[in-house]
Amino acid sequence: MARVVTYKFKGKTKTIPFSFSRFHDMNEAAAAAEGVDIKSFLAMEQQLELTSRGQGIVKNFRQKEFARMGFSDIAFVREEE
């Protein structure tokens, strides 16, 4: 079963295929599809994971940084039969 991710980038809705063998999460897949370099973001996220005790801090950082980059509404598409 193929996974599909939908997201908005700078106001335009887009849909891309997703594979866990290529990407860690759907945010990375969306950034790769748009050609956005997230190396510094990933380094900061890793530092937050090492220093914070709760997952809420990392999740909040991820959401705010991707919103700053122009991404919104990143989600997996559910297939209905």
PDB file of N, CA and C in Angstrom:
ATOM      1  N   MET A   1       0.843  -1.174   0.000  1.00  0.00           N
ATOM      2  CA  MET A   1       0.000   0.000   0.000  1.00  0.00           C
ATOM      3  C   MET A   1       0.893   1.244   0.000  1.00  0.00           C
ATOM      4  N   ALA A   2       0.735   2.072  -0.991  1.00  0.00           N
ATOM      5  CA  ALA A   2       1.521   3.293  -1.114  1.00  0.00           C
ATOM      6  C   ALA A   2       0.934   4.382  -0.226  1.00  0.00           C
ATOM      7  N   ARG A   3       1.818   5.144   0.397  1.00  0.00           N
ATOM      8  CA  ARG A   3       1.383   6.260   1.224  1.00  0.00           C
ATOM      9  C   ARG A   3       1.478   7.542   0.417  1.00  0.00           C
ATOM     10  N   VAL A   4       0.575   8.456   0.712  1.00  0.00           N
ATOM     11  CA  VAL A   4       0.539   9.731   0.022  1.00  0.00           C
ATOM     12  C   VAL A   4       0.462  10.834   1.076  1.00  0.00           C
ATOM     13  N   VAL A   5       1.227  11.908   0.856  1.00  0.00           N
ATOM     14  CA  VAL A   5       1.229  13.055   1.758  1.00  0.00           C
ATOM     15  C   VAL A   5       0.666  14.257   1.010  1.00  0.00           C
ATOM     16  N   THR A   6      -0.180  15.001   1.685  1.00  0.00           N
ATOM     17  CA  THR A   6      -0.677  16.249   1.125  1.00  0.00           C
ATOM     18  C   THR A   6      -0.223  17.394   2.029  1.00  0.00           C
ATOM     19  N   TYR A   7       0.071  18.534   1.411  1.00  0.00           N
ATOM     20  CA  TYR A   7       0.537  19.694   2.171  1.00  0.00           C
ATOM     21  C   TYR A   7       0.278  20.966   1.377  1.00  0.00           C
ATOM     22  N   LYS A   8       0.348  22.083   2.071  1.00  0.00           N
ATOM     23  CA  LYS A   8       0.264  23.387   1.417  1.00  0.00           C
ATOM     24  C   LYS A   8       1.631  24.040   1.541  1.00  0.00           C
ATOM     25  N   PHE A   9       2.123  24.536   0.420  1.00  0.00           N
ATOM     26  CA  PHE A   9       3.390  25.261   0.412  1.00  0.00           C
ATOM     27  C   PHE A   9       3.133  26.619  -0.213  1.00  0.00           C
ATOM     28  N   LYS A  10       3.248  27.650   0.595  1.00  0.00           N
ATOM     29  CA  LYS A  10       3.009  29.024   0.164  1.00  0.00           C
ATOM     30  C   LYS A  10       1.641  29.169  -0.492  1.00  0.00           C
ATOM     31  N   GLY A  11       0.647  28.519   0.126  1.00  0.00           N
ATOM     32  CA  GLY A  11      -0.740  28.662  -0.315  1.00  0.00           C
ATOM     33  C   GLY A  11      -1.213  27.674  -1.362  1.00  0.00           C
ATOM     34  N   LYS A  12      -0.318  26.899  -1.964  1.00  0.00           N
ATOM     35  CA  LYS A  12      -0.719  25.926  -2.985  1.00  0.00           C
ATOM     36  C   LYS A  12      -0.736  24.528  -2.383  1.00  0.00           C
ATOM     37  N   THR A  13      -1.828  23.811  -2.592  1.00  0.00           N
ATOM     38  CA  THR A  13      -1.949  22.445  -2.098  1.00  0.00           C
ATOM     39  C   THR A  13      -1.269  21.484  -3.064  1.00  0.00           C
ATOM     40  N   LYS A  14      -0.462  20.592  -2.495  1.00  0.00           N
ATOM     41  CA  LYS A  14       0.279  19.632  -3.310  1.00  0.00           C
ATOM     42  C   LYS A  14       0.174  18.245  -2.693  1.00  0.00           C
ATOM     43  N   THR A  15       0.339  17.220  -3.514  1.00  0.00           N
ATOM     44  CA  THR A  15       0.288  15.832  -3.081  1.00  0.00           C
ATOM     45  C   THR A  15       1.519  15.116  -3.626  1.00  0.00           C
ATOM     46  N   ILE A  16       2.180  14.339  -2.744  1.00  0.00           N
ATOM     47  CA  ILE A  16       3.391  13.622  -3.143  1.00  0.00           C
ATOM     48  C   ILE A  16       3.357  12.196  -2.601  1.00  0.00           C
ATOM     49  N   PRO A  17       4.060  11.269  -3.248  1.00  0.00           N
ATOM     50  CA  PRO A  17       4.187   9.918  -2.686  1.00  0.00           C
ATOM     51  C   PRO A  17       5.164   9.938  -1.517  1.00  0.00           C
ATOM     52  N   PHE A  18       4.993   9.022  -0.579  1.00  0.00           N
ATOM     53  CA  PHE A  18       5.832   8.983   0.619  1.00  0.00           C
ATOM     54  C   PHE A  18       6.300   7.557   0.872  1.00  0.00           C
ATOM     55  N   SER A  19       7.567   7.429   1.296  1.00  0.00           N
ATOM     56  CA  SER A  19       8.135   6.132   1.647  1.00  0.00           C
ATOM     57  C   SER A  19       9.009   6.286   2.880  1.00  0.00           C
ATOM     58  N   PHE A  20       8.784   5.437   3.883  1.00  0.00           N
ATOM     59  CA  PHE A  20       9.608   5.473   5.085  1.00  0.00           C
ATOM     60  C   PHE A  20      11.048   5.048   4.796  1.00  0.00           C
ATOM     61  N   SER A  21      11.290   4.371   3.694  1.00  0.00           N
ATOM     62  CA  SER A  21      12.660   3.987   3.353  1.00  0.00           C
ATOM     63  C   SER A  21      13.492   5.188   2.888  1.00  0.00           C
ATOM     64  N   ARG A  22      12.831   6.254   2.437  1.00  0.00           N
ATOM     65  CA  ARG A  22      13.544   7.445   1.972  1.00  0.00           C
ATOM     66  C   ARG A  22      13.535   8.587   2.975  1.00  0.00           C
ATOM     67  N   PHE A  23      12.443   8.710   3.745  1.00  0.00           N
ATOM     68  CA  PHE A  23      12.273   9.855   4.631  1.00  0.00           C
ATOM     69  C   PHE A  23      11.918   9.407   6.033  1.00  0.00           C
ATOM     70  N   HIS A  24      12.362  10.190   7.017  1.00  0.00           N
ATOM     71  CA  HIS A  24      12.077   9.919   8.423  1.00  0.00           C
ATOM     72  C   HIS A  24      10.625  10.250   8.759  1.00  0.00           C
ATOM     73  N   ASP A  25      10.120  11.353   8.225  1.00  0.00           N
ATOM     74  CA  ASP A  25       8.734  11.741   8.457  1.00  0.00           C
ATOM     75  C   ASP A  25       8.200  12.536   7.267  1.00  0.00           C
ATOM     76  N   MET A  26       6.917  12.863   7.325  1.00  0.00           N
ATOM     77  CA  MET A  26       6.281  13.525   6.188  1.00  0.00           C
ATOM     78  C   MET A  26       6.779  14.964   6.008  1.00  0.00           C
ATOM     79  N   ASN A  27       7.263  15.596   7.064  1.00  0.00           N
ATOM     80  CA  ASN A  27       7.822  16.941   6.927  1.00  0.00           C
ATOM     81  C   ASN A  27       9.071  16.921   6.053  1.00  0.00           C
ATOM     82  N   GLU A  28       9.936  15.949   6.267  1.00  0.00           N
ATOM     83  CA  GLU A  28      11.144  15.826   5.450  1.00  0.00           C
ATOM     84  C   GLU A  28      10.787  15.575   3.988  1.00  0.00           C
ATOM     85  N   ALA A  29       9.781  14.778   3.736  1.00  0.00           N
ATOM     86  CA  ALA A  29       9.355  14.483   2.370  1.00  0.00           C
ATOM     87  C   ALA A  29       8.846  15.745   1.669  1.00  0.00           C
ATOM     88  N   ALA A  30       8.057  16.543   2.378  1.00  0.00           N
ATOM     89  CA  ALA A  30       7.529  17.777   1.800  1.00  0.00           C
ATOM     90  C   ALA A  30       8.664  18.756   1.501  1.00  0.00           C
ATOM     91  N   ALA A  31       9.619  18.877   2.418  1.00  0.00           N
ATOM     92  CA  ALA A  31      10.753  19.779   2.199  1.00  0.00           C
ATOM     93  C   ALA A  31      11.589  19.325   1.004  1.00  0.00           C
ATOM     94  N   ALA A  32      11.809  18.020   0.883  1.00  0.00           N
ATOM     95  CA  ALA A  32      12.582  17.495  -0.246  1.00  0.00           C
ATOM     96  C   ALA A  32      11.863  17.753  -1.572  1.00  0.00           C
ATOM     97  N   ALA A  33      10.542  17.610  -1.579  1.00  0.00           N
ATOM     98  CA  ALA A  33       9.772  17.838  -2.799  1.00  0.00           C
ATOM     99  C   ALA A  33       9.862  19.293  -3.261  1.00  0.00           C
ATOM    100  N   GLU A  34       9.997  20.205  -2.302  1.00  0.00           N
ATOM    101  CA  GLU A  34      10.082  21.627  -2.647  1.00  0.00           C
ATOM    102  C   GLU A  34      11.516  22.113  -2.785  1.00  0.00           C
ATOM    103  N   GLY A  35      12.482  21.256  -2.497  1.00  0.00           N
ATOM    104  CA  GLY A  35      13.877  21.640  -2.628  1.00  0.00           C
ATOM    105  C   GLY A  35      14.372  22.531  -1.505  1.00  0.00           C
ATOM    106  N   VAL A  36      13.729  22.455  -0.337  1.00  0.00           N
ATOM    107  CA  VAL A  36      14.115  23.266   0.813  1.00  0.00           C
ATOM    108  C   VAL A  36      15.186  22.519   1.602  1.00  0.00           C
ATOM    109  N   ASP A  37      16.305  23.191   1.869  1.00  0.00           N
ATOM    110  CA  ASP A  37      17.399  22.589   2.636  1.00  0.00           C
ATOM    111  C   ASP A  37      17.065  22.681   4.120  1.00  0.00           C
ATOM    112  N   ILE A  38      16.954  21.524   4.790  1.00  0.00           N
ATOM    113  CA  ILE A  38      16.578  21.505   6.208  1.00  0.00           C
ATOM    114  C   ILE A  38      17.686  20.934   7.085  1.00  0.00           C
ATOM    115  N   LYS A  39      18.924  20.975   6.623  1.00  0.00           N
ATOM    116  CA  LYS A  39      20.034  20.429   7.414  1.00  0.00           C
ATOM    117  C   LYS A  39      20.185  21.142   8.753  1.00  0.00           C
ATOM    118  N   SER A  40      20.126  22.459   8.756  1.00  0.00           N
ATOM    119  CA  SER A  40      20.263  23.197  10.019  1.00  0.00           C
ATOM    120  C   SER A  40      19.055  22.949  10.918  1.00  0.00           C
ATOM    121  N   PHE A  41      17.878  22.812  10.329  1.00  0.00           N
ATOM    122  CA  PHE A  41      16.683  22.490  11.105  1.00  0.00           C
ATOM    123  C   PHE A  41      16.832  21.134  11.785  1.00  0.00           C
ATOM    124  N   LEU A  42      17.318  20.126  11.046  1.00  0.00           N
ATOM    125  CA  LEU A  42      17.486  18.786  11.613  1.00  0.00           C
ATOM    126  C   LEU A  42      18.519  18.779  12.730  1.00  0.00           C
ATOM    127  N   ALA A  43      19.577  19.561  12.585  1.00  0.00           N
ATOM    128  CA  ALA A  43      20.594  19.648  13.639  1.00  0.00           C
ATOM    129  C   ALA A  43      20.008  20.263  14.903  1.00  0.00           C
ATOM    130  N   MET A  44      19.226  21.321  14.756  1.00  0.00           N
ATOM    131  CA  MET A  44      18.606  21.958  15.918  1.00  0.00           C
ATOM    132  C   MET A  44      17.565  21.043  16.556  1.00  0.00           C
ATOM    133  N   GLU A  45      16.817  20.339  15.731  1.00  0.00           N
ATOM    134  CA  GLU A  45      15.825  19.400  16.249  1.00  0.00           C
ATOM    135  C   GLU A  45      16.501  18.291  17.061  1.00  0.00           C
ATOM    136  N   GLN A  46      17.630  17.805  16.584  1.00  0.00           N
ATOM    137  CA  GLN A  46      18.372  16.774  17.304  1.00  0.00           C
ATOM    138  C   GLN A  46      18.880  17.305  18.644  1.00  0.00           C
ATOM    139  N   GLN A  47      19.340  18.532  18.678  1.00  0.00           N
ATOM    140  CA  GLN A  47      19.786  19.132  19.930  1.00  0.00           C
ATOM    141  C   GLN A  47      18.629  19.257  20.913  1.00  0.00           C
ATOM    142  N   LEU A  48      17.465  19.639  20.414  1.00  0.00           N
ATOM    143  CA  LEU A  48      16.287  19.742  21.277  1.00  0.00           C
ATOM    144  C   LEU A  48      15.897  18.380  21.845  1.00  0.00           C
ATOM    145  N   GLU A  49      15.971  17.342  21.010  1.00  0.00           N
ATOM    146  CA  GLU A  49      15.642  15.993  21.483  1.00  0.00           C
ATOM    147  C   GLU A  49      16.579  15.554  22.600  1.00  0.00           C
ATOM    148  N   LEU A  50      17.851  15.930  22.495  1.00  0.00           N
ATOM    149  CA  LEU A  50      18.823  15.532  23.507  1.00  0.00           C
ATOM    150  C   LEU A  50      18.673  16.310  24.810  1.00  0.00           C
ATOM    151  N   THR A  51      18.245  17.558  24.729  1.00  0.00           N
ATOM    152  CA  THR A  51      18.188  18.394  25.922  1.00  0.00           C
ATOM    153  C   THR A  51      16.808  18.502  26.560  1.00  0.00           C
ATOM    154  N   SER A  52      15.742  18.244  25.807  1.00  0.00           N
ATOM    155  CA  SER A  52      14.390  18.384  26.372  1.00  0.00           C
ATOM    156  C   SER A  52      13.884  17.051  26.890  1.00  0.00           C
ATOM    157  N   ARG A  53      12.999  17.124  27.848  1.00  0.00           N
ATOM    158  CA  ARG A  53      12.452  15.903  28.441  1.00  0.00           C
ATOM    159  C   ARG A  53      11.124  15.505  27.831  1.00  0.00           C
ATOM    160  N   GLY A  54      10.391  16.444  27.288  1.00  0.00           N
ATOM    161  CA  GLY A  54       9.082  16.141  26.723  1.00  0.00           C
ATOM    162  C   GLY A  54       9.076  16.228  25.210  1.00  0.00           C
ATOM    163  N   GLN A  55       8.236  15.447  24.579  1.00  0.00           N
ATOM    164  CA  GLN A  55       8.139  15.466  23.118  1.00  0.00           C
ATOM    165  C   GLN A  55       7.406  16.705  22.616  1.00  0.00           C
ATOM    166  N   GLY A  56       6.657  17.368  23.477  1.00  0.00           N
ATOM    167  CA  GLY A  56       5.909  18.543  23.055  1.00  0.00           C
ATOM    168  C   GLY A  56       6.801  19.661  22.552  1.00  0.00           C
ATOM    169  N   ILE A  57       7.969  19.811  23.133  1.00  0.00           N
ATOM    170  CA  ILE A  57       8.884  20.872  22.730  1.00  0.00           C
ATOM    171  C   ILE A  57       9.374  20.635  21.305  1.00  0.00           C
ATOM    172  N   VAL A  58       9.756  19.419  20.995  1.00  0.00           N
ATOM    173  CA  VAL A  58      10.254  19.090  19.660  1.00  0.00           C
ATOM    174  C   VAL A  58       9.146  19.232  18.631  1.00  0.00           C
ATOM    175  N   LYS A  59       7.962  18.756  18.959  1.00  0.00           N
ATOM    176  CA  LYS A  59       6.823  18.839  18.040  1.00  0.00           C
ATOM    177  C   LYS A  59       6.461  20.301  17.778  1.00  0.00           C
ATOM    178  N   ASN A  60       6.438  21.113  18.813  1.00  0.00           N
ATOM    179  CA  ASN A  60       6.124  22.531  18.672  1.00  0.00           C
ATOM    180  C   ASN A  60       7.173  23.230  17.813  1.00  0.00           C
ATOM    181  N   PHE A  61       8.450  22.922  18.035  1.00  0.00           N
ATOM    182  CA  PHE A  61       9.524  23.499  17.233  1.00  0.00           C
ATOM    183  C   PHE A  61       9.356  23.131  15.759  1.00  0.00           C
ATOM    184  N   ARG A  62       9.066  21.853  15.501  1.00  0.00           N
ATOM    185  CA  ARG A  62       8.898  21.382  14.123  1.00  0.00           C
ATOM    186  C   ARG A  62       7.759  22.125  13.431  1.00  0.00           C
ATOM    187  N   GLN A  63       6.622  22.241  14.110  1.00  0.00           N
ATOM    188  CA  GLN A  63       5.463  22.906  13.505  1.00  0.00           C
ATOM    189  C   GLN A  63       5.744  24.375  13.220  1.00  0.00           C
ATOM    190  N   LYS A  64       6.366  25.062  14.154  1.00  0.00           N
ATOM    191  CA  LYS A  64       6.627  26.490  13.965  1.00  0.00           C
ATOM    192  C   LYS A  64       7.667  26.739  12.874  1.00  0.00           C
ATOM    193  N   GLU A  65       8.708  25.928  12.834  1.00  0.00           N
ATOM    194  CA  GLU A  65       9.743  26.121  11.818  1.00  0.00           C
ATOM    195  C   GLU A  65       9.209  25.819  10.414  1.00  0.00           C
ATOM    196  N   PHE A  66       8.403  24.779  10.272  1.00  0.00           N
ATOM    197  CA  PHE A  66       7.857  24.481   8.945  1.00  0.00           C
ATOM    198  C   PHE A  66       6.840  25.533   8.524  1.00  0.00           C
ATOM    199  N   ALA A  67       6.113  26.094   9.469  1.00  0.00           N
ATOM    200  CA  ALA A  67       5.205  27.199   9.141  1.00  0.00           C
ATOM    201  C   ALA A  67       6.016  28.411   8.686  1.00  0.00           C
ATOM    202  N   ARG A  68       7.152  28.660   9.336  1.00  0.00           N
ATOM    203  CA  ARG A  68       8.018  29.771   8.948  1.00  0.00           C
ATOM    204  C   ARG A  68       8.577  29.570   7.532  1.00  0.00           C
ATOM    205  N   MET A  69       8.835  28.319   7.167  1.00  0.00           N
ATOM    206  CA  MET A  69       9.354  28.010   5.827  1.00  0.00           C
ATOM    207  C   MET A  69       8.273  28.090   4.747  1.00  0.00           C
ATOM    208  N   GLY A  70       7.001  28.157   5.154  1.00  0.00           N
ATOM    209  CA  GLY A  70       5.911  28.274   4.186  1.00  0.00           C
ATOM    210  C   GLY A  70       5.043  27.035   4.070  1.00  0.00           C
ATOM    211  N   PHE A  71       5.263  26.030   4.904  1.00  0.00           N
ATOM    212  CA  PHE A  71       4.477  24.799   4.861  1.00  0.00           C
ATOM    213  C   PHE A  71       3.313  24.869   5.844  1.00  0.00           C
ATOM    214  N   SER A  72       2.210  24.244   5.481  1.00  0.00           N
ATOM    215  CA  SER A  72       1.089  24.098   6.404  1.00  0.00           C
ATOM    216  C   SER A  72       0.273  22.876   6.004  1.00  0.00           C
ATOM    217  N   ASP A  73      -0.554  22.423   6.904  1.00  0.00           N
ATOM    218  CA  ASP A  73      -1.489  21.307   6.671  1.00  0.00           C
ATOM    219  C   ASP A  73      -0.795  20.053   6.114  1.00  0.00           C
ATOM    220  N   ILE A  74       0.339  19.681   6.675  1.00  0.00           N
ATOM    221  CA  ILE A  74       1.046  18.491   6.232  1.00  0.00           C
ATOM    222  C   ILE A  74       0.381  17.274   6.885  1.00  0.00           C
ATOM    223  N   ALA A  75      -0.087  16.327   6.055  1.00  0.00           N
ATOM    224  CA  ALA A  75      -0.797  15.165   6.606  1.00  0.00           C
ATOM    225  C   ALA A  75      -0.771  14.005   5.616  1.00  0.00           C
ATOM    226  N   PHE A  76      -0.919  12.796   6.170  1.00  0.00           N
ATOM    227  CA  PHE A  76      -1.091  11.626   5.321  1.00  0.00           C
ATOM    228  C   PHE A  76      -2.504  11.612   4.771  1.00  0.00           C
ATOM    229  N   VAL A  77      -2.668  11.158   3.527  1.00  0.00           N
ATOM    230  CA  VAL A  77      -3.985  11.031   2.919  1.00  0.00           C
ATOM    231  C   VAL A  77      -4.507   9.642   3.242  1.00  0.00           C
ATOM    232  N   ARG A  78      -5.691   9.583   3.774  1.00  0.00           N
ATOM    233  CA  ARG A  78      -6.309   8.289   4.077  1.00  0.00           C
ATOM    234  C   ARG A  78      -7.027   7.775   2.837  1.00  0.00           C
ATOM    235  N   GLU A  79      -6.745   6.516   2.527  1.00  0.00           N
ATOM    236  CA  GLU A  79      -7.403   5.895   1.377  1.00  0.00           C
ATOM    237  C   GLU A  79      -8.717   5.272   1.844  1.00  0.00           C
ATOM    238  N   GLU A  80      -9.788   5.636   1.167  1.00  0.00           N
ATOM    239  CA  GLU A  80     -11.110   5.100   1.502  1.00  0.00           C
ATOM    240  C   GLU A  80     -11.534   4.132   0.415  1.00  0.00           C
ATOM    241  N   GLU A  81     -12.047   3.001   0.846  1.00  0.00           N
ATOM    242  CA  GLU A  81     -12.478   1.998  -0.142  1.00  0.00           C
ATOM    243  C   GLU A  81     -13.974   1.905  -0.176  1.00  0.00           C
TER     244      GLU A  81
END
